[in-house]
């Protein structure tokens, strides 16, 4: 993996990184990709899919629709706001 690839990944994630940060994250990203490659080598043909290690049943609750009561607090973190929504740059044509 080269710095150009790390820059591309950062760009896709909309992260601004200094050259120092790119150098620091390069080996970490390489390790993540190596681990994913190892996972791909595991033989799972005779392994039954598992959703949860412990057989836990979720407690049901009323399905009440609310705004969470913190919309203004959440929008306070938005760099830009438009009609009570986060305003973000267009990324897909």
PDB file of N, CA and C in Angstrom:
ATOM      1  N   UNK A   1       0.851  -1.174   0.000  1.00  0.00           N
ATOM      2  CA  UNK A   1       0.000   0.000   0.000  1.00  0.00           C
ATOM      3  C   UNK A   1       0.895   1.234   0.000  1.00  0.00           C
ATOM      4  N   UNK A   2       0.511   2.197  -0.798  1.00  0.00           N
ATOM      5  CA  UNK A   2       1.290   3.430  -0.867  1.00  0.00           C
ATOM      6  C   UNK A   2       0.477   4.604  -0.312  1.00  0.00           C
ATOM      7  N   UNK A   3       1.140   5.713  -0.135  1.00  0.00           N
ATOM      8  CA  UNK A   3       0.491   6.909   0.423  1.00  0.00           C
ATOM      9  C   UNK A   3      -0.648   7.381  -0.475  1.00  0.00           C
ATOM     10  N   UNK A   4      -0.495   7.209  -1.781  1.00  0.00           N
ATOM     11  CA  UNK A   4      -1.547   7.616  -2.716  1.00  0.00           C
ATOM     12  C   UNK A   4      -2.855   6.883  -2.400  1.00  0.00           C
ATOM     13  N   UNK A   5      -2.764   5.595  -2.088  1.00  0.00           N
ATOM     14  CA  UNK A   5      -3.951   4.811  -1.751  1.00  0.00           C
ATOM     15  C   UNK A   5      -4.548   5.277  -0.429  1.00  0.00           C
ATOM     16  N   UNK A   6      -3.700   5.573   0.538  1.00  0.00           N
ATOM     17  CA  UNK A   6      -4.183   6.064   1.834  1.00  0.00           C
ATOM     18  C   UNK A   6      -4.896   7.400   1.643  1.00  0.00           C
ATOM     19  N   UNK A   7      -4.340   8.272   0.803  1.00  0.00           N
ATOM     20  CA  UNK A   7      -4.988   9.561   0.499  1.00  0.00           C
ATOM     21  C   UNK A   7      -6.352   9.334  -0.139  1.00  0.00           C
ATOM     22  N   UNK A   8      -6.438   8.352  -1.050  1.00  0.00           N
ATOM     23  CA  UNK A   8      -7.693   8.048  -1.737  1.00  0.00           C
ATOM     24  C   UNK A   8      -8.745   7.578  -0.729  1.00  0.00           C
ATOM     25  N   UNK A   9      -8.349   6.673   0.167  1.00  0.00           N
ATOM     26  CA  UNK A   9      -9.275   6.183   1.189  1.00  0.00           C
ATOM     27  C   UNK A   9      -9.728   7.333   2.087  1.00  0.00           C
ATOM     28  N   UNK A  10      -8.806   8.177   2.492  1.00  0.00           N
ATOM     29  CA  UNK A  10      -9.152   9.333   3.327  1.00  0.00           C
ATOM     30  C   UNK A  10     -10.111  10.261   2.592  1.00  0.00           C
ATOM     31  N   UNK A  11      -9.859  10.468   1.309  1.00  0.00           N
ATOM     32  CA  UNK A  11     -10.724  11.325   0.505  1.00  0.00           C
ATOM     33  C   UNK A  11     -12.129  10.740   0.407  1.00  0.00           C
ATOM     34  N   UNK A  12     -12.214   9.433   0.170  1.00  0.00           N
ATOM     35  CA  UNK A  12     -13.523   8.781   0.080  1.00  0.00           C
ATOM     36  C   UNK A  12     -14.283   8.873   1.399  1.00  0.00           C
ATOM     37  N   UNK A  13     -13.540   8.864   2.505  1.00  0.00           N
ATOM     38  CA  UNK A  13     -14.153   8.983   3.826  1.00  0.00           C
ATOM     39  C   UNK A  13     -14.358  10.446   4.221  1.00  0.00           C
ATOM     40  N   UNK A  14     -13.990  11.348   3.315  1.00  0.00           N
ATOM     41  CA  UNK A  14     -14.110  12.791   3.554  1.00  0.00           C
ATOM     42  C   UNK A  14     -13.310  13.224   4.780  1.00  0.00           C
ATOM     43  N   UNK A  15     -12.084  12.665   4.897  1.00  0.00           N
ATOM     44  CA  UNK A  15     -11.190  13.024   5.992  1.00  0.00           C
ATOM     45  C   UNK A  15     -10.031  13.843   5.461  1.00  0.00           C
ATOM     46  N   UNK A  16      -9.717  14.931   6.141  1.00  0.00           N
ATOM     47  CA  UNK A  16      -8.541  15.722   5.792  1.00  0.00           C
ATOM     48  C   UNK A  16      -7.407  15.265   6.689  1.00  0.00           C
ATOM     49  N   UNK A  17      -6.316  14.830   6.072  1.00  0.00           N
ATOM     50  CA  UNK A  17      -5.183  14.328   6.846  1.00  0.00           C
ATOM     51  C   UNK A  17      -3.905  15.011   6.420  1.00  0.00           C
ATOM     52  N   UNK A  18      -3.070  15.271   7.406  1.00  0.00           N
ATOM     53  CA  UNK A  18      -1.744  15.819   7.120  1.00  0.00           C
ATOM     54  C   UNK A  18      -0.862  14.685   6.601  1.00  0.00           C
ATOM     55  N   UNK A  19       0.289  15.049   6.049  1.00  0.00           N
ATOM     56  CA  UNK A  19       1.233  14.031   5.568  1.00  0.00           C
ATOM     57  C   UNK A  19       1.670  13.127   6.720  1.00  0.00           C
ATOM     58  N   UNK A  20       1.834  13.715   7.897  1.00  0.00           N
ATOM     59  CA  UNK A  20       2.227  12.936   9.078  1.00  0.00           C
ATOM     60  C   UNK A  20       1.153  11.905   9.434  1.00  0.00           C
ATOM     61  N   UNK A  21      -0.112  12.331   9.383  1.00  0.00           N
ATOM     62  CA  UNK A  21      -1.208  11.410   9.684  1.00  0.00           C
ATOM     63  C   UNK A  21      -1.294  10.307   8.642  1.00  0.00           C
ATOM     64  N   UNK A  22      -1.089  10.653   7.376  1.00  0.00           N
ATOM     65  CA  UNK A  22      -1.117   9.642   6.319  1.00  0.00           C
ATOM     66  C   UNK A  22      -0.054   8.580   6.572  1.00  0.00           C
ATOM     67  N   UNK A  23       1.140   9.017   6.948  1.00  0.00           N
ATOM     68  CA  UNK A  23       2.229   8.076   7.240  1.00  0.00           C
ATOM     69  C   UNK A  23       1.894   7.203   8.454  1.00  0.00           C
ATOM     70  N   UNK A  24       1.244   7.813   9.449  1.00  0.00           N
ATOM     71  CA  UNK A  24       0.915   7.077  10.669  1.00  0.00           C
ATOM     72  C   UNK A  24      -0.171   6.029  10.407  1.00  0.00           C
ATOM     73  N   UNK A  25      -1.152   6.359   9.555  1.00  0.00           N
ATOM     74  CA  UNK A  25      -2.263   5.443   9.316  1.00  0.00           C
ATOM     75  C   UNK A  25      -1.963   4.393   8.249  1.00  0.00           C
ATOM     76  N   UNK A  26      -0.933   4.609   7.453  1.00  0.00           N
ATOM     77  CA  UNK A  26      -0.589   3.661   6.391  1.00  0.00           C
ATOM     78  C   UNK A  26      -0.360   2.252   6.931  1.00  0.00           C
ATOM     79  N   UNK A  27       0.517   2.043   7.938  1.00  0.00           N
ATOM     80  CA  UNK A  27       0.711   0.680   8.443  1.00  0.00           C
ATOM     81  C   UNK A  27      -0.542   0.107   9.113  1.00  0.00           C
ATOM     82  N   UNK A  28      -1.336   0.972   9.729  1.00  0.00           N
ATOM     83  CA  UNK A  28      -2.567   0.493  10.359  1.00  0.00           C
ATOM     84  C   UNK A  28      -3.536  -0.029   9.305  1.00  0.00           C
ATOM     85  N   UNK A  29      -3.658   0.695   8.204  1.00  0.00           N
ATOM     86  CA  UNK A  29      -4.532   0.272   7.119  1.00  0.00           C
ATOM     87  C   UNK A  29      -4.015  -1.019   6.482  1.00  0.00           C
ATOM     88  N   UNK A  30      -2.703  -1.128   6.351  1.00  0.00           N
ATOM     89  CA  UNK A  30      -2.109  -2.360   5.821  1.00  0.00           C
ATOM     90  C   UNK A  30      -2.448  -3.548   6.719  1.00  0.00           C
ATOM     91  N   UNK A  31      -2.355  -3.364   8.035  1.00  0.00           N
ATOM     92  CA  UNK A  31      -2.677  -4.440   8.977  1.00  0.00           C
ATOM     93  C   UNK A  31      -4.140  -4.847   8.892  1.00  0.00           C
ATOM     94  N   UNK A  32      -5.016  -3.883   8.735  1.00  0.00           N
ATOM     95  CA  UNK A  32      -6.444  -4.180   8.603  1.00  0.00           C
ATOM     96  C   UNK A  32      -6.683  -5.019   7.358  1.00  0.00           C
ATOM     97  N   UNK A  33      -6.076  -4.632   6.248  1.00  0.00           N
ATOM     98  CA  UNK A  33      -6.262  -5.379   5.007  1.00  0.00           C
ATOM     99  C   UNK A  33      -5.679  -6.786   5.102  1.00  0.00           C
ATOM    100  N   UNK A  34      -4.547  -6.945   5.782  1.00  0.00           N
ATOM    101  CA  UNK A  34      -3.968  -8.283   5.985  1.00  0.00           C
ATOM    102  C   UNK A  34      -4.918  -9.154   6.798  1.00  0.00           C
ATOM    103  N   UNK A  35      -5.527  -8.568   7.821  1.00  0.00           N
ATOM    104  CA  UNK A  35      -6.460  -9.319   8.652  1.00  0.00           C
ATOM    105  C   UNK A  35      -7.676  -9.748   7.838  1.00  0.00           C
ATOM    106  N   UNK A  36      -8.197  -8.863   7.005  1.00  0.00           N
ATOM    107  CA  UNK A  36      -9.346  -9.195   6.163  1.00  0.00           C
ATOM    108  C   UNK A  36      -8.977 -10.325   5.202  1.00  0.00           C
ATOM    109  N   UNK A  37      -7.764 -10.302   4.663  1.00  0.00           N
ATOM    110  CA  UNK A  37      -7.305 -11.386   3.795  1.00  0.00           C
ATOM    111  C   UNK A  37      -7.271 -12.705   4.558  1.00  0.00           C
ATOM    112  N   UNK A  38      -6.814 -12.675   5.815  1.00  0.00           N
ATOM    113  CA  UNK A  38      -6.798 -13.890   6.632  1.00  0.00           C
ATOM    114  C   UNK A  38      -8.208 -14.424   6.847  1.00  0.00           C
ATOM    115  N   UNK A  39      -9.156 -13.544   7.072  1.00  0.00           N
ATOM    116  CA  UNK A  39     -10.538 -13.978   7.263  1.00  0.00           C
ATOM    117  C   UNK A  39     -11.066 -14.672   6.014  1.00  0.00           C
ATOM    118  N   UNK A  40     -10.660 -14.187   4.847  1.00  0.00           N
ATOM    119  CA  UNK A  40     -11.093 -14.788   3.589  1.00  0.00           C
ATOM    120  C   UNK A  40     -10.548 -16.190   3.387  1.00  0.00           C
ATOM    121  N   UNK A  41      -9.471 -16.536   4.073  1.00  0.00           N
ATOM    122  CA  UNK A  41      -8.851 -17.856   3.937  1.00  0.00           C
ATOM    123  C   UNK A  41      -9.478 -18.898   4.860  1.00  0.00           C
ATOM    124  N   UNK A  42     -10.310 -18.483   5.797  1.00  0.00           N
ATOM    125  CA  UNK A  42     -10.914 -19.411   6.750  1.00  0.00           C
ATOM    126  C   UNK A  42     -11.975 -20.248   6.041  1.00  0.00           C
ATOM    127  N   UNK A  43     -11.908 -21.579   6.242  1.00  0.00           N
ATOM    128  CA  UNK A  43     -12.882 -22.496   5.648  1.00  0.00           C
ATOM    129  C   UNK A  43     -14.153 -22.483   6.498  1.00  0.00           C
ATOM    130  N   UNK A  44     -15.220 -21.941   5.952  1.00  0.00           N
ATOM    131  CA  UNK A  44     -16.492 -21.854   6.674  1.00  0.00           C
ATOM    132  C   UNK A  44     -17.580 -22.684   6.012  1.00  0.00           C
ATOM    133  N   UNK A  45     -17.180 -23.612   5.143  1.00  0.00           N
ATOM    134  CA  UNK A  45     -18.167 -24.407   4.405  1.00  0.00           C
ATOM    135  C   UNK A  45     -19.103 -25.191   5.319  1.00  0.00           C
ATOM    136  N   UNK A  46     -18.591 -25.776   6.380  1.00  0.00           N
ATOM    137  CA  UNK A  46     -19.415 -26.607   7.266  1.00  0.00           C
ATOM    138  C   UNK A  46     -19.755 -25.911   8.575  1.00  0.00           C
ATOM    139  N   UNK A  47     -19.735 -24.602   8.571  1.00  0.00           N
ATOM    140  CA  UNK A  47     -20.040 -23.835   9.776  1.00  0.00           C
ATOM    141  C   UNK A  47     -21.424 -23.225   9.625  1.00  0.00           C
ATOM    142  N   UNK A  48     -22.268 -23.501  10.613  1.00  0.00           N
ATOM    143  CA  UNK A  48     -23.626 -22.965  10.581  1.00  0.00           C
ATOM    144  C   UNK A  48     -23.589 -21.468  10.900  1.00  0.00           C
ATOM    145  N   UNK A  49     -24.323 -20.660  10.145  1.00  0.00           N
ATOM    146  CA  UNK A  49     -24.345 -19.214  10.419  1.00  0.00           C
ATOM    147  C   UNK A  49     -24.814 -18.941  11.854  1.00  0.00           C
ATOM    148  N   UNK A  50     -24.223 -17.945  12.465  1.00  0.00           N
ATOM    149  CA  UNK A  50     -24.518 -17.619  13.849  1.00  0.00           C
ATOM    150  C   UNK A  50     -24.811 -16.128  13.960  1.00  0.00           C
ATOM    151  N   UNK A  51     -25.946 -15.799  14.545  1.00  0.00           N
ATOM    152  CA  UNK A  51     -26.303 -14.397  14.719  1.00  0.00           C
ATOM    153  C   UNK A  51     -25.918 -13.896  16.103  1.00  0.00           C
ATOM    154  N   UNK A  52     -25.927 -14.797  17.084  1.00  0.00           N
ATOM    155  CA  UNK A  52     -25.614 -14.401  18.447  1.00  0.00           C
ATOM    156  C   UNK A  52     -25.026 -15.602  19.185  1.00  0.00           C
ATOM    157  N   UNK A  53     -23.968 -15.392  19.927  1.00  0.00           N
ATOM    158  CA  UNK A  53     -23.321 -16.488  20.649  1.00  0.00           C
ATOM    159  C   UNK A  53     -24.240 -17.042  21.728  1.00  0.00           C
ATOM    160  N   UNK A  54     -24.935 -16.180  22.423  1.00  0.00           N
ATOM    161  CA  UNK A  54     -25.852 -16.584  23.480  1.00  0.00           C
ATOM    162  C   UNK A  54     -27.269 -16.422  22.946  1.00  0.00           C
ATOM    163  N   UNK A  55     -28.113 -17.402  23.222  1.00  0.00           N
ATOM    164  CA  UNK A  55     -29.495 -17.338  22.741  1.00  0.00           C
ATOM    165  C   UNK A  55     -30.284 -16.342  23.596  1.00  0.00           C
ATOM    166  N   UNK A  56     -30.243 -15.095  23.176  1.00  0.00           N
ATOM    167  CA  UNK A  56     -30.896 -14.019  23.922  1.00  0.00           C
ATOM    168  C   UNK A  56     -32.124 -13.556  23.146  1.00  0.00           C
ATOM    169  N   UNK A  57     -33.192 -13.367  23.857  1.00  0.00           N
ATOM    170  CA  UNK A  57     -34.406 -12.820  23.258  1.00  0.00           C
ATOM    171  C   UNK A  57     -34.492 -11.341  23.623  1.00  0.00           C
ATOM    172  N   UNK A  58     -34.765 -10.526  22.639  1.00  0.00           N
ATOM    173  CA  UNK A  58     -34.884  -9.092  22.893  1.00  0.00           C
ATOM    174  C   UNK A  58     -36.222  -8.786  23.548  1.00  0.00           C
ATOM    175  N   UNK A  59     -36.179  -7.867  24.490  1.00  0.00           N
ATOM    176  CA  UNK A  59     -37.423  -7.422  25.100  1.00  0.00           C
ATOM    177  C   UNK A  59     -38.121  -6.476  24.135  1.00  0.00           C
ATOM    178  N   UNK A  60     -39.400  -6.668  23.959  1.00  0.00           N
ATOM    179  CA  UNK A  60     -40.163  -5.811  23.060  1.00  0.00           C
ATOM    180  C   UNK A  60     -40.617  -4.564  23.799  1.00  0.00           C
ATOM    181  N   UNK A  61     -40.793  -3.506  23.050  1.00  0.00           N
ATOM    182  CA  UNK A  61     -41.288  -2.253  23.609  1.00  0.00           C
ATOM    183  C   UNK A  61     -42.276  -1.659  22.618  1.00  0.00           C
ATOM    184  N   UNK A  62     -43.007  -0.692  23.056  1.00  0.00           N
ATOM    185  CA  UNK A  62     -43.920   0.004  22.160  1.00  0.00           C
ATOM    186  C   UNK A  62     -43.124   0.710  21.072  1.00  0.00           C
ATOM    187  N   UNK A  63     -43.621   0.689  19.879  1.00  0.00           N
ATOM    188  CA  UNK A  63     -42.945   1.327  18.751  1.00  0.00           C
ATOM    189  C   UNK A  63     -43.494   2.740  18.583  1.00  0.00           C
ATOM    190  N   UNK A  64     -43.056   3.626  19.468  1.00  0.00           N
ATOM    191  CA  UNK A  64     -43.506   5.010  19.439  1.00  0.00           C
ATOM    192  C   UNK A  64     -42.518   5.851  18.644  1.00  0.00           C
ATOM    193  N   UNK A  65     -43.026   6.610  17.696  1.00  0.00           N
ATOM    194  CA  UNK A  65     -42.181   7.472  16.881  1.00  0.00           C
ATOM    195  C   UNK A  65     -41.966   8.788  17.619  1.00  0.00           C
ATOM    196  N   UNK A  66     -40.685   9.138  17.833  1.00  0.00           N
ATOM    197  CA  UNK A  66     -40.344  10.411  18.462  1.00  0.00           C
ATOM    198  C   UNK A  66     -39.164  11.016  17.713  1.00  0.00           C
ATOM    199  N   UNK A  67     -38.881  12.254  17.990  1.00  0.00           N
ATOM    200  CA  UNK A  67     -37.710  12.889  17.373  1.00  0.00           C
ATOM    201  C   UNK A  67     -36.478  12.729  18.259  1.00  0.00           C
ATOM    202  N   UNK A  68     -36.624  12.020  19.360  1.00  0.00           N
ATOM    203  CA  UNK A  68     -35.501  11.809  20.262  1.00  0.00           C
ATOM    204  C   UNK A  68     -35.319  12.943  21.253  1.00  0.00           C
ATOM    205  N   UNK A  69     -35.938  14.073  20.974  1.00  0.00           N
ATOM    206  CA  UNK A  69     -35.876  15.200  21.888  1.00  0.00           C
ATOM    207  C   UNK A  69     -34.562  15.963  21.877  1.00  0.00           C
ATOM    208  N   UNK A  70     -33.671  15.627  20.952  1.00  0.00           N
ATOM    209  CA  UNK A  70     -32.366  16.297  20.946  1.00  0.00           C
ATOM    210  C   UNK A  70     -32.000  16.817  19.556  1.00  0.00           C
ATOM    211  N   UNK A  71     -32.997  17.033  18.713  1.00  0.00           N
ATOM    212  CA  UNK A  71     -32.714  17.464  17.342  1.00  0.00           C
ATOM    213  C   UNK A  71     -31.872  18.738  17.302  1.00  0.00           C
ATOM    214  N   UNK A  72     -32.199  19.713  18.121  1.00  0.00           N
ATOM    215  CA  UNK A  72     -31.441  20.974  18.111  1.00  0.00           C
ATOM    216  C   UNK A  72     -30.003  20.759  18.586  1.00  0.00           C
ATOM    217  N   UNK A  73     -29.820  19.869  19.575  1.00  0.00           N
ATOM    218  CA  UNK A  73     -28.465  19.565  20.053  1.00  0.00           C
ATOM    219  C   UNK A  73     -27.642  18.901  18.955  1.00  0.00           C
ATOM    220  N   UNK A  74     -28.260  17.984  18.225  1.00  0.00           N
ATOM    221  CA  UNK A  74     -27.558  17.291  17.143  1.00  0.00           C
ATOM    222  C   UNK A  74     -27.202  18.278  16.040  1.00  0.00           C
ATOM    223  N   UNK A  75     -28.151  19.109  15.651  1.00  0.00           N
ATOM    224  CA  UNK A  75     -27.906  20.072  14.576  1.00  0.00           C
ATOM    225  C   UNK A  75     -26.894  21.142  14.977  1.00  0.00           C
ATOM    226  N   UNK A  76     -26.675  21.316  16.263  1.00  0.00           N
ATOM    227  CA  UNK A  76     -25.667  22.280  16.715  1.00  0.00           C
ATOM    228  C   UNK A  76     -24.270  21.846  16.277  1.00  0.00           C
ATOM    229  N   UNK A  77     -24.087  20.557  15.988  1.00  0.00           N
ATOM    230  CA  UNK A  77     -22.796  20.034  15.537  1.00  0.00           C
ATOM    231  C   UNK A  77     -22.625  20.114  14.026  1.00  0.00           C
ATOM    232  N   UNK A  78     -23.664  20.487  13.315  1.00  0.00           N
ATOM    233  CA  UNK A  78     -23.600  20.520  11.852  1.00  0.00           C
ATOM    234  C   UNK A  78     -22.796  21.727  11.386  1.00  0.00           C
ATOM    235  N   UNK A  79     -21.867  21.512  10.429  1.00  0.00           N
ATOM    236  CA  UNK A  79     -21.142  22.652   9.877  1.00  0.00           C
ATOM    237  C   UNK A  79     -22.096  23.615   9.171  1.00  0.00           C
ATOM    238  N   UNK A  80     -23.102  23.026   8.505  1.00  0.00           N
ATOM    239  CA  UNK A  80     -24.146  23.824   7.859  1.00  0.00           C
ATOM    240  C   UNK A  80     -25.473  23.116   8.061  1.00  0.00           C
ATOM    241  N   UNK A  81     -26.539  23.910   8.158  1.00  0.00           N
ATOM    242  CA  UNK A  81     -27.868  23.359   8.384  1.00  0.00           C
ATOM    243  C   UNK A  81     -28.814  23.957   7.352  1.00  0.00           C
ATOM    244  N   UNK A  82     -29.722  23.133   6.847  1.00  0.00           N
ATOM    245  CA  UNK A  82     -30.703  23.595   5.872  1.00  0.00           C
ATOM    246  C   UNK A  82     -32.042  22.964   6.214  1.00  0.00           C
ATOM    247  N   UNK A  83     -32.989  23.766   6.641  1.00  0.00           N
ATOM    248  CA  UNK A  83     -34.334  23.316   6.983  1.00  0.00           C
ATOM    249  C   UNK A  83     -34.317  22.133   7.949  1.00  0.00           C
ATOM    250  N   UNK A  84     -33.604  22.265   9.037  1.00  0.00           N
ATOM    251  CA  UNK A  84     -33.503  21.242  10.088  1.00  0.00           C
ATOM    252  C   UNK A  84     -32.830  19.947   9.638  1.00  0.00           C
ATOM    253  N   UNK A  85     -31.959  20.027   8.624  1.00  0.00           N
ATOM    254  CA  UNK A  85     -31.178  18.884   8.170  1.00  0.00           C
ATOM    255  C   UNK A  85     -29.715  19.296   8.071  1.00  0.00           C
ATOM    256  N   UNK A  86     -28.813  18.317   8.152  1.00  0.00           N
ATOM    257  CA  UNK A  86     -27.405  18.573   7.881  1.00  0.00           C
ATOM    258  C   UNK A  86     -27.271  18.902   6.405  1.00  0.00           C
ATOM    259  N   UNK A  87     -26.583  19.978   6.067  1.00  0.00           N
ATOM    260  CA  UNK A  87     -26.295  20.317   4.673  1.00  0.00           C
ATOM    261  C   UNK A  87     -24.882  19.824   4.382  1.00  0.00           C
ATOM    262  N   UNK A  88     -24.762  18.952   3.377  1.00  0.00           N
ATOM    263  CA  UNK A  88     -23.457  18.375   3.030  1.00  0.00           C
ATOM    264  C   UNK A  88     -23.192  18.578   1.548  1.00  0.00           C
ATOM    265  N   UNK A  89     -21.919  18.563   1.153  1.00  0.00           N
ATOM    266  CA  UNK A  89     -21.605  18.709  -0.266  1.00  0.00           C
ATOM    267  C   UNK A  89     -22.112  17.508  -1.056  1.00  0.00           C
ATOM    268  N   UNK A  90     -22.511  17.747  -2.285  1.00  0.00           N
ATOM    269  CA  UNK A  90     -22.963  16.671  -3.164  1.00  0.00           C
ATOM    270  C   UNK A  90     -21.771  15.784  -3.493  1.00  0.00           C
ATOM    271  N   UNK A  91     -21.920  14.464  -3.302  1.00  0.00           N
ATOM    272  CA  UNK A  91     -20.807  13.548  -3.559  1.00  0.00           C
ATOM    273  C   UNK A  91     -21.119  12.551  -4.672  1.00  0.00           C
ATOM    274  N   UNK A  92     -22.367  12.471  -5.116  1.00  0.00           N
ATOM    275  CA  UNK A  92     -22.760  11.541  -6.177  1.00  0.00           C
ATOM    276  C   UNK A  92     -23.443  12.334  -7.281  1.00  0.00           C
ATOM    277  N   UNK A  93     -23.041  12.062  -8.489  1.00  0.00           N
ATOM    278  CA  UNK A  93     -23.672  12.742  -9.624  1.00  0.00           C
ATOM    279  C   UNK A  93     -24.959  12.043 -10.012  1.00  0.00           C
TER     280      UNK A  93
END
